[in-house]
Amino acid sequence: MSAERSLPVAKHIFAIAVVSTLALAACGNGPPAFNLTFPDGGATAAPLREPCCGKVETQPVTCQGPSNAGTFTFEKIATWRDDAKAAYSMIHDDFCGPALRGTDTYAVPALLKRNLTAAVGPFVQVCQAGNIWNIVQTAEDNGNEIVNHSYTHPNITTANAPLEVVMSKAQFDMRTRNPVTFFIFPFDYWTADTVKAVSDAGHFGARAGVRDTYDGFTNPPVNPPEPSNDLALVFDVWPRTYSKYALFQGNDVLNQHVWAAVDKGAYAVREMHSISPQDLPPQDGSQGFGPVPLRVYEDHLDFLVNAWKANLVWTSPPSTVIRYRHARTKCLASVSANTINFDITDPDCLKFATPISVIVHTANDVPGVNALQSGAPVFTRKLGPNTFSIDADPTAGGVTLEGCATPSSTVDPTVQLP
């Protein structure tokens, strides 16, 4: 839940209430509780606005005819997908919780509208208690990653790890299409021993980086492009009072973390919880811990679409980014004539197999490149004159290249970003 190890009493109350699936009581003199109801309860949710900026493109363009590209030459494997300057992951904790239904009602469809993806972190007990595994499966069907947030949401210890880490992973793996590979610690509380337990259970990533030494200015909480801290990813937290960017305007906190990653060429991870239809959500736990106002969330997603258009940020769930960090350093690529060839002899290349971006140059400046791997087209993007990114899984064989008269997806350097 929070990123701080000393937890306010109200947050303990919230966790206990969620675990027992009881209604959450207001605490202190905060705003009155808001009775948030959803379509499955017979009420109408607040409408989602249409994306202001379109959506992220991920599907290959169908080539309608060839164009003479001349010779293809290899430049590099990009640090981040399509040679973006940074990578970014959003994680919604406590998915399935009775006060957290703003996540599946608002966040999941808002992401889908923009062809963006995030991670959602259910814990087993609340999904079972509400018999709502269907919302977990829908989130995954929409391209989001399901990450393990324990069985009953306690502080993880070596004593309870067999249930909270191992058994919870088994439960998720039975109900999800893809095996769960990332863990988020309840209350952001961990030790070296519990991180090891997470790794031993079969997770290769975790949000367990210590934030104490970071700030929102010269040393922001972002991760390096090298795969050095998969089980200790550092992160920032919404709401603002827990963020390292608390001195910025409240509505800028989400975007500021992304800009920090762009400035450093790094990987940013954002922790948040539910989404609220209210511009000033209650802070009493009735809509989860520190809900993000829907309009702030949608503004952030539109920012991410524009940042993708400008090729500043690649937004993807955490396990995908972790895989990419390994695959780009362990898989090798070269270009011979019009074919990209891969060297996959390193075991980690196979272990972390995922599409990587091979940057190639064409002798002639063509509108697009048609790239075929095992007879199927793969995504290509024109980064600039004579320069293309080819996204392909190194373990799926070579990629044949041909100039195309149909434009590939392109970078738009004119996009205005706040």
Protein backbone atom coordinates (compact mmCIF):
# COMPACT_ATOMS: atom_id res chain seq x y z
CA MET A 1 0.00 0.00 0.00
CA SER A 2 2.16 2.97 1.05
CA ALA A 3 5.84 3.23 0.31
CA GLU A 4 6.69 4.22 3.85
CA ARG A 5 7.54 1.69 6.54
CA SER A 6 5.98 3.69 9.39
CA LEU A 7 2.31 3.39 8.54
CA PRO A 8 -0.46 5.77 9.66
CA VAL A 9 -3.14 4.17 11.77
CA ALA A 10 -5.76 4.90 9.11
CA LYS A 11 -3.90 2.73 6.62
CA HIS A 12 -3.78 -0.19 9.05
CA ILE A 13 -7.54 0.21 9.50
CA PHE A 14 -7.96 0.17 5.73
CA ALA A 15 -5.96 -3.01 5.32
CA ILE A 16 -7.84 -4.83 8.06
CA ALA A 17 -11.16 -3.77 6.54
CA VAL A 18 -10.18 -4.92 3.07
CA VAL A 19 -8.95 -8.29 4.30
CA SER A 20 -12.21 -8.92 6.12
CA THR A 21 -14.22 -7.43 3.21
CA LEU A 22 -16.11 -5.21 5.65
CA ALA A 23 -17.25 -1.67 4.91
CA LEU A 24 -14.59 0.95 5.62
CA ALA A 25 -15.29 3.45 8.36
CA ALA A 26 -14.31 7.09 8.07
CA CYS A 27 -11.44 8.17 10.30
CA GLY A 28 -10.52 11.54 11.70
CA ASN A 29 -12.29 14.63 10.42
CA GLY A 30 -11.71 13.98 6.74
CA PRO A 31 -14.31 14.35 3.97
CA PRO A 32 -17.53 12.37 4.39
CA ALA A 33 -17.58 8.86 3.00
CA PHE A 34 -18.66 8.58 -0.63
CA ASN A 35 -20.83 5.60 -1.52
CA LEU A 36 -19.03 4.51 -4.66
CA THR A 37 -21.17 2.06 -6.61
CA PHE A 38 -20.52 0.41 -9.92
CA PRO A 39 -22.38 -1.13 -12.86
CA ASP A 40 -22.40 -4.60 -11.30
CA GLY A 41 -24.16 -3.06 -8.30
CA GLY A 42 -26.85 -1.42 -10.38
CA ALA A 43 -25.40 2.10 -10.54
CA THR A 44 -23.93 4.04 -13.45
CA ALA A 45 -20.22 4.85 -13.31
CA ALA A 46 -18.88 8.28 -14.29
CA PRO A 47 -18.27 8.44 -18.05
CA LEU A 48 -14.77 8.06 -19.42
CA ARG A 49 -13.79 10.82 -21.80
CA GLU A 50 -12.48 10.04 -25.24
CA PRO A 51 -8.69 10.14 -25.41
CA CYS A 52 -7.50 13.56 -26.49
CA CYS A 53 -4.43 12.12 -28.18
CA GLY A 54 -5.47 8.87 -29.83
CA LYS A 55 -3.70 5.71 -28.82
CA VAL A 56 -0.36 3.94 -28.81
CA GLU A 57 0.26 1.88 -31.95
CA THR A 58 1.43 -1.71 -31.53
CA GLN A 59 0.12 -3.53 -34.62
CA PRO A 60 2.27 -3.87 -37.76
CA VAL A 61 1.18 -1.80 -40.75
CA THR A 62 0.03 -3.89 -43.71
CA CYS A 63 2.45 -3.18 -46.54
CA GLN A 64 0.60 -2.37 -49.77
CA GLY A 65 3.64 -2.34 -52.04
CA PRO A 66 7.45 -2.38 -52.08
CA SER A 67 9.83 0.56 -52.15
CA ASN A 68 13.55 0.31 -52.85
CA ALA A 69 15.31 0.68 -49.49
CA GLY A 70 18.75 -0.22 -50.80
CA THR A 71 21.17 -1.73 -48.32
CA PHE A 72 20.17 -2.36 -44.71
CA THR A 73 22.78 -1.77 -42.00
CA PHE A 74 22.71 -2.58 -38.28
CA GLU A 75 23.14 0.20 -35.71
CA LYS A 76 22.29 -1.24 -32.29
CA ILE A 77 19.78 -2.92 -30.04
CA ALA A 78 17.88 -0.04 -28.46
CA THR A 79 18.15 0.60 -24.73
CA TRP A 80 14.35 0.89 -24.55
CA ARG A 81 11.63 -0.24 -26.95
CA ASP A 82 11.78 1.64 -30.25
CA ASP A 83 14.73 3.64 -28.89
CA ALA A 84 12.55 5.67 -26.52
CA LYS A 85 14.44 7.72 -23.97
CA ALA A 86 12.84 6.04 -20.94
CA ALA A 87 10.57 3.25 -19.75
CA TYR A 88 7.63 3.49 -17.34
CA SER A 89 5.33 1.08 -15.46
CA MET A 90 2.14 1.78 -13.52
CA ILE A 91 1.03 -0.63 -10.78
CA HIS A 92 -2.43 -0.55 -9.19
CA ASP A 93 -2.25 -2.23 -5.76
CA ASP A 94 -5.09 -4.05 -3.94
CA PHE A 95 -7.09 -4.96 -7.05
CA CYS A 96 -10.34 -6.82 -6.12
CA GLY A 97 -10.61 -4.98 -2.81
CA PRO A 98 -14.19 -3.89 -2.02
CA ALA A 99 -13.17 -0.23 -1.86
CA LEU A 100 -10.91 -0.56 -4.90
CA ARG A 101 -13.47 -1.19 -7.62
CA GLY A 102 -12.51 2.09 -9.25
CA THR A 103 -9.55 0.23 -10.71
CA ASP A 104 -11.56 -2.20 -12.83
CA THR A 105 -14.36 0.29 -13.48
CA TYR A 106 -12.20 3.22 -14.54
CA ALA A 107 -8.50 2.40 -14.86
CA VAL A 108 -8.73 -0.78 -16.94
CA PRO A 109 -11.10 0.66 -19.59
CA ALA A 110 -9.28 4.04 -19.65
CA LEU A 111 -6.03 2.21 -20.40
CA LEU A 112 -7.73 0.13 -23.09
CA LYS A 113 -9.07 3.22 -24.86
CA ARG A 114 -5.47 4.38 -25.35
CA ASN A 115 -3.92 0.96 -25.97
CA LEU A 116 -1.83 1.42 -22.83
CA THR A 117 -1.14 -1.30 -20.28
CA ALA A 118 -0.31 -1.43 -16.59
CA ALA A 119 0.01 -3.98 -13.80
CA VAL A 120 -2.75 -4.76 -11.31
CA GLY A 121 -1.96 -6.37 -7.96
CA PRO A 122 -4.81 -8.42 -6.47
CA PHE A 123 -4.48 -10.37 -3.27
CA VAL A 124 -6.13 -13.76 -3.27
CA GLN A 125 -8.48 -13.47 -0.32
CA VAL A 126 -10.52 -10.53 -1.61
CA CYS A 127 -10.84 -11.97 -5.11
CA GLN A 128 -12.17 -15.19 -3.62
CA ALA A 129 -14.42 -13.49 -1.06
CA GLY A 130 -16.08 -11.38 -3.73
CA ASN A 131 -16.02 -14.17 -6.33
CA ILE A 132 -14.68 -11.66 -8.83
CA TRP A 133 -11.85 -13.51 -10.51
CA ASN A 134 -13.55 -12.42 -13.73
CA ILE A 135 -12.29 -8.84 -13.29
CA VAL A 136 -8.74 -10.19 -12.92
CA GLN A 137 -9.09 -12.18 -16.11
CA THR A 138 -10.61 -9.22 -17.96
CA ALA A 139 -7.71 -7.01 -16.94
CA GLU A 140 -5.26 -9.60 -18.27
CA ASP A 141 -7.27 -10.07 -21.48
CA ASN A 142 -6.86 -6.33 -22.06
CA GLY A 143 -3.07 -6.72 -22.01
CA ASN A 144 -2.38 -5.78 -18.39
CA GLU A 145 -0.05 -7.79 -16.17
CA ILE A 146 -1.36 -9.57 -13.09
CA VAL A 147 1.16 -9.25 -10.27
CA ASN A 148 1.15 -11.04 -6.92
CA HIS A 149 0.15 -8.93 -3.91
CA SER A 150 0.00 -11.86 -1.42
CA TYR A 151 -2.79 -14.06 -0.12
CA THR A 152 -4.26 -12.02 2.76
CA HIS A 153 -2.28 -8.72 2.61
CA PRO A 154 -0.19 -8.87 5.83
CA ASN A 155 3.39 -7.77 6.34
CA ILE A 156 5.36 -10.56 4.67
CA THR A 157 7.60 -12.60 6.99
CA THR A 158 9.58 -15.78 6.53
CA ALA A 159 6.97 -17.55 8.67
CA ASN A 160 3.99 -16.60 6.51
CA ALA A 161 5.80 -16.66 3.14
CA PRO A 162 4.66 -20.24 2.30
CA LEU A 163 1.07 -18.97 2.25
CA GLU A 164 1.48 -15.32 1.33
CA VAL A 165 4.12 -15.74 -1.38
CA VAL A 166 4.17 -19.34 -2.57
CA MET A 167 0.51 -20.32 -2.26
CA SER A 168 -0.70 -16.98 -3.59
CA LYS A 169 1.42 -17.42 -6.71
CA ALA A 170 -0.02 -20.90 -7.21
CA GLN A 171 -3.55 -19.52 -6.92
CA PHE A 172 -2.89 -16.78 -9.45
CA ASP A 173 -1.12 -19.13 -11.84
CA MET A 174 -4.20 -21.36 -11.89
CA ARG A 175 -6.42 -18.45 -12.93
CA THR A 176 -4.26 -16.36 -15.24
CA ARG A 177 -3.11 -16.99 -18.77
CA ASN A 178 0.49 -16.05 -18.02
CA PRO A 179 2.45 -17.21 -14.96
CA VAL A 180 2.82 -14.50 -12.33
CA THR A 181 6.42 -13.27 -12.22
CA PHE A 182 6.31 -9.99 -10.24
CA PHE A 183 5.58 -9.41 -6.53
CA ILE A 184 4.48 -6.28 -4.66
CA PHE A 185 4.90 -6.34 -0.90
CA PRO A 186 1.87 -5.30 1.19
CA PHE A 187 2.59 -2.03 3.00
CA ASP A 188 5.86 -1.93 1.02
CA TYR A 189 7.45 -3.85 3.89
CA TRP A 190 10.19 -6.35 3.10
CA THR A 191 13.46 -7.78 4.38
CA ALA A 192 16.35 -9.46 2.60
CA ASP A 193 14.94 -12.83 3.66
CA THR A 194 11.45 -12.14 2.33
CA VAL A 195 12.83 -10.82 -0.95
CA LYS A 196 14.71 -14.11 -1.25
CA ALA A 197 11.48 -15.99 -0.53
CA VAL A 198 9.81 -14.09 -3.38
CA SER A 199 12.64 -15.04 -5.73
CA ASP A 200 12.67 -18.68 -4.60
CA ALA A 201 8.92 -18.91 -5.29
CA GLY A 202 9.51 -18.15 -8.97
CA HIS A 203 9.09 -14.38 -9.23
CA PHE A 204 11.91 -12.62 -11.06
CA GLY A 205 10.89 -9.06 -10.15
CA ALA A 206 9.66 -7.13 -7.10
CA ARG A 207 8.96 -3.58 -6.06
CA ALA A 208 11.35 -3.54 -3.14
CA GLY A 209 13.74 -0.68 -3.64
CA VAL A 210 14.52 1.53 -0.62
CA ARG A 211 13.38 5.10 -1.37
CA ASP A 212 15.02 6.85 1.57
CA THR A 213 18.03 8.23 -0.30
CA TYR A 214 16.06 9.58 -3.25
CA ASP A 215 14.43 12.95 -3.86
CA GLY A 216 12.26 14.54 -6.52
CA PHE A 217 14.97 16.75 -7.98
CA THR A 218 18.63 15.77 -8.42
CA ASN A 219 18.26 12.11 -7.40
CA PRO A 220 14.78 10.90 -8.39
CA PRO A 221 13.61 7.35 -7.55
CA VAL A 222 14.20 5.77 -10.97
CA ASN A 223 15.91 2.56 -12.06
CA PRO A 224 18.89 2.07 -14.36
CA PRO A 225 18.56 0.54 -17.82
CA GLU A 226 20.89 -2.28 -16.78
CA PRO A 227 19.19 -5.36 -15.22
CA SER A 228 20.82 -4.89 -11.83
CA ASN A 229 17.87 -4.58 -9.44
CA ASP A 230 15.00 -6.74 -10.72
CA LEU A 231 13.94 -7.69 -7.18
CA ALA A 232 14.53 -4.22 -5.74
CA LEU A 233 12.87 -1.81 -8.15
CA VAL A 234 12.62 1.67 -6.67
CA PHE A 235 9.39 3.55 -7.24
CA ASP A 236 7.27 6.58 -6.45
CA VAL A 237 3.90 6.60 -4.70
CA TRP A 238 0.61 8.38 -5.23
CA PRO A 239 -0.89 10.16 -3.24
CA ARG A 240 1.18 13.32 -3.19
CA THR A 241 1.93 13.22 0.54
CA TYR A 242 3.88 9.97 0.01
CA SER A 243 5.53 11.06 -3.24
CA LYS A 244 9.11 12.18 -3.67
CA TYR A 245 7.65 14.93 -5.87
CA ALA A 246 5.42 16.36 -3.13
CA LEU A 247 6.78 19.88 -3.69
CA PHE A 248 5.36 19.93 -7.21
CA GLN A 249 1.77 20.82 -8.06
CA GLY A 250 -0.52 17.93 -7.15
CA ASN A 251 -1.67 17.30 -10.71
CA ASP A 252 1.96 17.25 -11.93
CA VAL A 253 3.17 14.49 -9.61
CA LEU A 254 2.34 11.63 -11.98
CA ASN A 255 3.95 13.23 -15.02
CA GLN A 256 6.95 14.54 -13.10
CA HIS A 257 8.09 10.99 -12.30
CA VAL A 258 8.03 10.17 -16.01
CA TRP A 259 10.00 13.29 -16.86
CA ALA A 260 12.62 12.27 -14.28
CA ALA A 261 13.07 8.97 -16.13
CA VAL A 262 13.35 10.79 -19.46
CA ASP A 263 16.02 13.09 -18.05
CA LYS A 264 18.03 10.11 -16.76
CA GLY A 265 17.34 7.67 -19.62
CA ALA A 266 15.94 5.44 -16.88
CA TYR A 267 13.00 3.28 -15.82
CA ALA A 268 10.27 4.76 -13.60
CA VAL A 269 7.75 2.72 -11.60
CA ARG A 270 4.56 4.28 -10.23
CA GLU A 271 2.60 2.83 -7.30
CA MET A 272 -1.04 3.85 -7.00
CA HIS A 273 -4.27 2.30 -5.86
CA SER A 274 -7.82 2.97 -6.97
CA ILE A 275 -9.37 5.60 -9.23
CA SER A 276 -12.13 7.91 -8.01
CA PRO A 277 -14.80 9.65 -10.12
CA GLN A 278 -14.56 12.63 -7.76
CA ASP A 279 -12.16 15.52 -8.32
CA LEU A 280 -11.57 15.66 -4.56
CA PRO A 281 -11.80 12.03 -3.44
CA PRO A 282 -12.42 11.20 0.22
CA GLN A 283 -9.30 10.23 2.14
CA ASP A 284 -11.12 8.04 4.68
CA GLY A 285 -10.50 4.72 2.91
CA SER A 286 -14.02 4.44 1.48
CA GLN A 287 -12.53 4.49 -2.01
CA GLY A 288 -9.26 2.85 -1.09
CA PHE A 289 -5.98 4.40 -0.04
CA GLY A 290 -5.28 7.71 -1.75
CA PRO A 291 -7.45 7.28 -4.86
CA VAL A 292 -6.39 9.12 -8.00
CA PRO A 293 -9.09 11.46 -9.35
CA LEU A 294 -10.31 10.07 -12.66
CA ARG A 295 -9.62 13.29 -14.59
CA VAL A 296 -6.05 13.46 -13.24
CA TYR A 297 -5.57 9.81 -14.24
CA GLU A 298 -6.94 10.40 -17.73
CA ASP A 299 -4.73 13.48 -18.15
CA HIS A 300 -1.76 11.30 -17.22
CA LEU A 301 -2.69 8.59 -19.71
CA ASP A 302 -3.09 11.18 -22.47
CA PHE A 303 0.32 12.54 -21.54
CA LEU A 304 1.75 9.03 -21.93
CA VAL A 305 0.22 8.66 -25.39
CA ASN A 306 1.76 11.95 -26.48
CA ALA A 307 5.08 10.97 -24.89
CA TRP A 308 4.95 7.75 -26.94
CA LYS A 309 4.25 9.73 -30.12
CA ALA A 310 7.33 11.85 -29.41
CA ASN A 311 9.26 8.62 -28.62
CA LEU A 312 10.18 9.83 -25.17
CA VAL A 313 8.58 7.05 -23.10
CA TRP A 314 7.76 3.38 -23.54
CA THR A 315 4.95 2.43 -21.12
CA SER A 316 4.66 -1.27 -20.28
CA PRO A 317 4.06 -3.53 -17.26
CA PRO A 318 7.05 -4.30 -15.01
CA SER A 319 7.78 -7.90 -16.04
CA THR A 320 7.93 -6.85 -19.69
CA VAL A 321 10.41 -4.09 -18.92
CA ILE A 322 12.51 -6.44 -16.77
CA ARG A 323 12.56 -9.00 -19.59
CA TYR A 324 13.57 -6.31 -22.06
CA ARG A 325 16.48 -5.14 -19.87
CA HIS A 326 17.86 -8.68 -19.88
CA ALA A 327 17.06 -9.61 -23.48
CA ARG A 328 18.68 -6.54 -24.97
CA THR A 329 21.91 -7.23 -23.08
CA LYS A 330 21.99 -11.03 -23.49
CA CYS A 331 20.69 -11.48 -27.04
CA LEU A 332 22.85 -10.37 -29.96
CA ALA A 333 21.73 -9.12 -33.36
CA SER A 334 23.33 -8.44 -36.72
CA VAL A 335 22.17 -7.64 -40.25
CA SER A 336 23.28 -9.56 -43.31
CA ALA A 337 21.89 -8.36 -46.65
CA ASN A 338 18.19 -7.89 -45.86
CA THR A 339 17.97 -10.20 -42.82
CA ILE A 340 18.29 -9.58 -39.09
CA ASN A 341 19.98 -12.57 -37.46
CA PHE A 342 20.00 -13.24 -33.72
CA ASP A 343 22.52 -15.00 -31.48
CA ILE A 344 20.58 -16.58 -28.59
CA THR A 345 23.32 -18.77 -27.12
CA ASP A 346 23.29 -16.95 -23.76
CA PRO A 347 20.85 -18.79 -21.43
CA ASP A 348 19.40 -15.50 -20.17
CA CYS A 349 18.42 -14.59 -23.73
CA LEU A 350 16.08 -17.60 -23.70
CA LYS A 351 14.99 -17.14 -20.08
CA PHE A 352 13.87 -13.54 -20.62
CA ALA A 353 12.71 -13.87 -24.23
CA THR A 354 10.69 -10.85 -25.34
CA PRO A 355 10.64 -8.63 -28.43
CA ILE A 356 13.59 -6.26 -28.59
CA SER A 357 14.10 -3.27 -30.86
CA VAL A 358 16.79 -3.60 -33.50
CA ILE A 359 17.72 -0.24 -35.02
CA VAL A 360 18.60 -0.40 -38.72
CA HIS A 361 19.42 2.12 -41.41
CA THR A 362 18.35 2.05 -45.04
CA ALA A 363 20.48 3.35 -47.88
CA ASN A 364 17.41 5.04 -49.38
CA ASP A 365 14.90 7.01 -47.32
CA VAL A 366 11.72 4.96 -47.75
CA PRO A 367 8.32 5.55 -46.11
CA GLY A 368 8.27 2.21 -44.34
CA VAL A 369 9.87 -1.17 -43.80
CA ASN A 370 8.06 -4.48 -44.10
CA ALA A 371 9.59 -6.93 -41.60
CA LEU A 372 8.60 -10.60 -41.59
CA GLN A 373 9.51 -13.15 -38.93
CA SER A 374 8.45 -16.74 -39.62
CA GLY A 375 6.19 -15.33 -42.31
CA ALA A 376 4.32 -12.96 -39.97
CA PRO A 377 4.78 -9.16 -39.91
CA VAL A 378 6.37 -7.55 -36.86
CA PHE A 379 6.00 -3.96 -35.69
CA THR A 380 8.26 -1.38 -37.32
CA ARG A 381 8.61 2.30 -36.55
CA LYS A 382 10.35 5.04 -38.50
CA LEU A 383 12.48 7.01 -36.07
CA GLY A 384 13.86 9.49 -38.58
CA PRO A 385 15.28 9.69 -42.10
CA ASN A 386 16.67 6.29 -43.15
CA THR A 387 16.27 4.96 -39.58
CA PHE A 388 13.84 2.27 -38.39
CA SER A 389 13.17 0.26 -35.27
CA ILE A 390 12.28 -3.40 -35.83
CA ASP A 391 10.61 -5.13 -32.86
CA ALA A 392 11.18 -8.89 -32.90
CA ASP A 393 11.55 -11.81 -30.49
CA PRO A 394 15.12 -13.08 -30.88
CA THR A 395 14.01 -16.65 -30.12
CA ALA A 396 11.55 -16.70 -33.05
CA GLY A 397 14.13 -16.73 -35.86
CA GLY A 398 15.52 -14.27 -38.37
CA VAL A 399 13.64 -11.25 -39.72
CA THR A 400 13.57 -10.43 -43.43
CA LEU A 401 13.39 -6.75 -44.34
CA GLU A 402 12.01 -4.96 -47.40
CA GLY A 403 11.37 -1.32 -48.15
CA CYS A 404 7.66 -0.50 -48.19
CA ALA A 405 5.68 2.24 -49.90
CA THR A 406 3.19 2.16 -47.01
CA PRO A 407 4.46 4.35 -44.15
CA SER A 408 5.47 2.59 -40.96
CA SER A 409 4.42 4.00 -37.60
CA THR A 410 6.40 7.22 -37.19
CA VAL A 411 7.74 9.48 -34.47
CA ASP A 412 6.11 12.90 -34.23
CA PRO A 413 8.68 15.47 -33.04
CA THR A 414 6.08 18.26 -33.08
CA VAL A 415 4.03 16.86 -30.17
CA GLN A 416 3.65 19.43 -27.38
CA LEU A 417 4.10 18.06 -23.86
CA PRO A 418 3.59 19.90 -20.56
